[in-house]
Amino acid sequence: MTYVSEMPDGSFQSEPVDGLGYASGMSLALDAQDQPHVAVADDRQIEYATKTGSGWQVEVVDPPVGGLSRQQPWIVLDSRGLAHMTYTQCKFVDELCVSWRVKYASQAPARSSSASAASST
């Protein structure tokens, strides 16, 4: 994945987000200092990346589990700059999604564990 930003002179600068490869879906939010926070789905897992002074910090939010696909991430930052993410998780049987969940993950201390709501199709 490549992050592109506009420089003060109007030119554009691109840089690879080290640690992230293929992305089937992503969402971007800028914090109060205009630093990017990215939620990324690669079909197997959800990752969260933040830009640091020396590059990018990437962490796995929801790791791969056989038969499950993770897609459609959305990210927002609260007034404290903490990330809140939602995404879908689909269980596959014979290449067919047989059930899906909308999941939530947060950096907020009171909500540090993921919660989910299940729905079958």
Protein backbone atom coordinates (compact mmCIF):
# COMPACT_ATOMS: atom_id res chain seq x y z
CA MET A 1 0.00 0.00 0.00
CA THR A 2 1.20 3.52 -0.77
CA TYR A 3 0.28 6.69 1.15
CA VAL A 4 0.20 9.93 -0.87
CA SER A 5 0.20 13.36 0.79
CA GLU A 6 0.22 16.91 -0.52
CA MET A 7 3.25 19.00 0.41
CA PRO A 8 3.09 22.74 1.31
CA ASP A 9 4.35 23.68 -2.19
CA GLY A 10 1.43 21.81 -3.82
CA SER A 11 3.49 18.81 -4.97
CA PHE A 12 2.67 15.27 -3.92
CA GLN A 13 4.82 12.84 -1.99
CA SER A 14 4.24 9.09 -1.97
CA GLU A 15 5.66 6.52 0.41
CA PRO A 16 5.06 2.82 0.95
CA VAL A 17 3.33 1.78 4.14
CA ASP A 18 5.87 -0.77 5.34
CA GLY A 19 4.30 -3.93 6.69
CA LEU A 20 1.13 -3.66 4.61
CA GLY A 21 0.72 -5.45 1.32
CA TYR A 22 -2.43 -6.26 -0.61
CA ALA A 23 -5.57 -4.54 0.65
CA SER A 24 -9.09 -5.52 -0.34
CA GLY A 25 -10.48 -2.58 1.62
CA MET A 26 -9.24 0.36 3.65
CA SER A 27 -10.38 3.45 5.49
CA LEU A 28 -8.39 6.58 6.40
CA ALA A 29 -8.79 9.14 9.20
CA LEU A 30 -6.56 12.12 9.99
CA ASP A 31 -5.90 13.12 13.60
CA ALA A 32 -5.67 16.69 14.97
CA GLN A 33 -2.04 16.89 13.77
CA ASP A 34 -3.05 15.67 10.25
CA GLN A 35 -1.32 12.34 10.84
CA PRO A 36 -2.95 9.40 9.02
CA HIS A 37 -4.55 6.41 10.74
CA VAL A 38 -5.52 3.56 8.40
CA ALA A 39 -7.70 0.48 8.89
CA VAL A 40 -6.88 -2.20 6.32
CA ALA A 41 -8.52 -5.49 5.34
CA ASP A 42 -6.66 -8.04 3.24
CA ASP A 43 -9.54 -10.55 3.28
CA ARG A 44 -7.81 -12.60 6.02
CA GLN A 45 -7.20 -10.05 8.78
CA ILE A 46 -7.73 -6.45 9.89
CA GLU A 47 -4.70 -4.26 10.45
CA TYR A 48 -4.28 -0.76 11.88
CA ALA A 49 -1.45 1.51 10.70
CA THR A 50 -0.32 4.90 12.00
CA LYS A 51 2.35 7.18 10.62
CA THR A 52 5.24 7.81 12.99
CA GLY A 53 8.21 10.13 12.62
CA SER A 54 10.36 7.31 11.25
CA GLY A 55 7.82 5.41 9.16
CA TRP A 56 4.69 3.42 9.90
CA GLN A 57 3.59 1.35 12.89
CA VAL A 58 1.37 -1.57 11.88
CA GLU A 59 -0.53 -3.85 14.24
CA VAL A 60 -2.93 -6.72 13.68
CA VAL A 61 -6.40 -5.97 15.10
CA ASP A 62 -8.06 -9.28 14.17
CA PRO A 63 -5.70 -12.11 13.08
CA PRO A 64 -6.40 -14.74 10.42
CA VAL A 65 -8.64 -17.68 11.32
CA GLY A 66 -9.39 -20.46 8.82
CA GLY A 67 -12.68 -20.08 6.95
CA LEU A 68 -13.21 -16.43 7.95
CA SER A 69 -12.85 -13.37 5.74
CA ARG A 70 -12.58 -9.82 7.04
CA GLN A 71 -13.70 -6.94 4.82
CA GLN A 72 -15.02 -3.38 4.64
CA PRO A 73 -13.10 -1.62 7.41
CA TRP A 74 -14.16 1.84 8.63
CA ILE A 75 -12.15 3.98 11.03
CA VAL A 76 -12.92 7.15 13.02
CA LEU A 77 -10.92 8.94 15.69
CA ASP A 78 -12.57 10.24 18.83
CA SER A 79 -11.81 13.59 20.50
CA ARG A 80 -8.82 11.97 22.27
CA GLY A 81 -7.38 10.72 18.97
CA LEU A 82 -8.15 7.07 19.74
CA ALA A 83 -9.15 4.83 16.85
CA HIS A 84 -12.54 3.11 16.61
CA MET A 85 -13.02 0.56 13.82
CA THR A 86 -15.87 -1.49 12.42
CA TYR A 87 -15.56 -4.21 9.79
CA THR A 88 -17.40 -7.25 8.53
CA GLN A 89 -16.44 -10.85 9.08
CA CYS A 90 -17.82 -13.60 6.87
CA LYS A 91 -17.69 -17.35 7.47
CA PHE A 92 -17.16 -19.31 4.28
CA VAL A 93 -18.23 -22.89 3.56
CA ASP A 94 -17.49 -24.23 0.07
CA GLU A 95 -16.64 -20.68 -1.13
CA LEU A 96 -20.06 -19.39 -0.03
CA CYS A 97 -20.56 -16.87 2.78
CA VAL A 98 -22.95 -18.63 5.15
CA SER A 99 -22.94 -16.07 7.99
CA TRP A 100 -21.55 -12.62 8.61
CA ARG A 101 -20.86 -10.37 11.57
CA VAL A 102 -20.25 -6.69 12.03
CA LYS A 103 -17.34 -6.32 14.44
CA TYR A 104 -16.01 -3.39 16.47
CA ALA A 105 -12.52 -2.72 17.81
CA SER A 106 -11.26 0.29 19.73
CA GLN A 107 -8.15 1.73 21.36
CA ALA A 108 -10.28 3.23 24.13
CA PRO A 109 -9.36 1.67 27.51
CA ALA A 110 -12.98 0.95 28.51
CA ARG A 111 -13.58 -0.85 25.22
CA SER A 112 -10.29 -2.58 24.57
CA SER A 113 -11.83 -5.93 23.59
CA SER A 114 -13.68 -6.56 20.36
CA ALA A 115 -17.42 -7.02 20.44
CA SER A 116 -19.60 -8.40 17.70
CA ALA A 117 -23.19 -8.64 16.61
CA ALA A 118 -24.10 -11.74 14.63
CA SER A 119 -26.52 -12.08 11.78
CA SER A 120 -27.08 -14.99 9.44
CA THR A 121 -27.89 -14.64 5.77
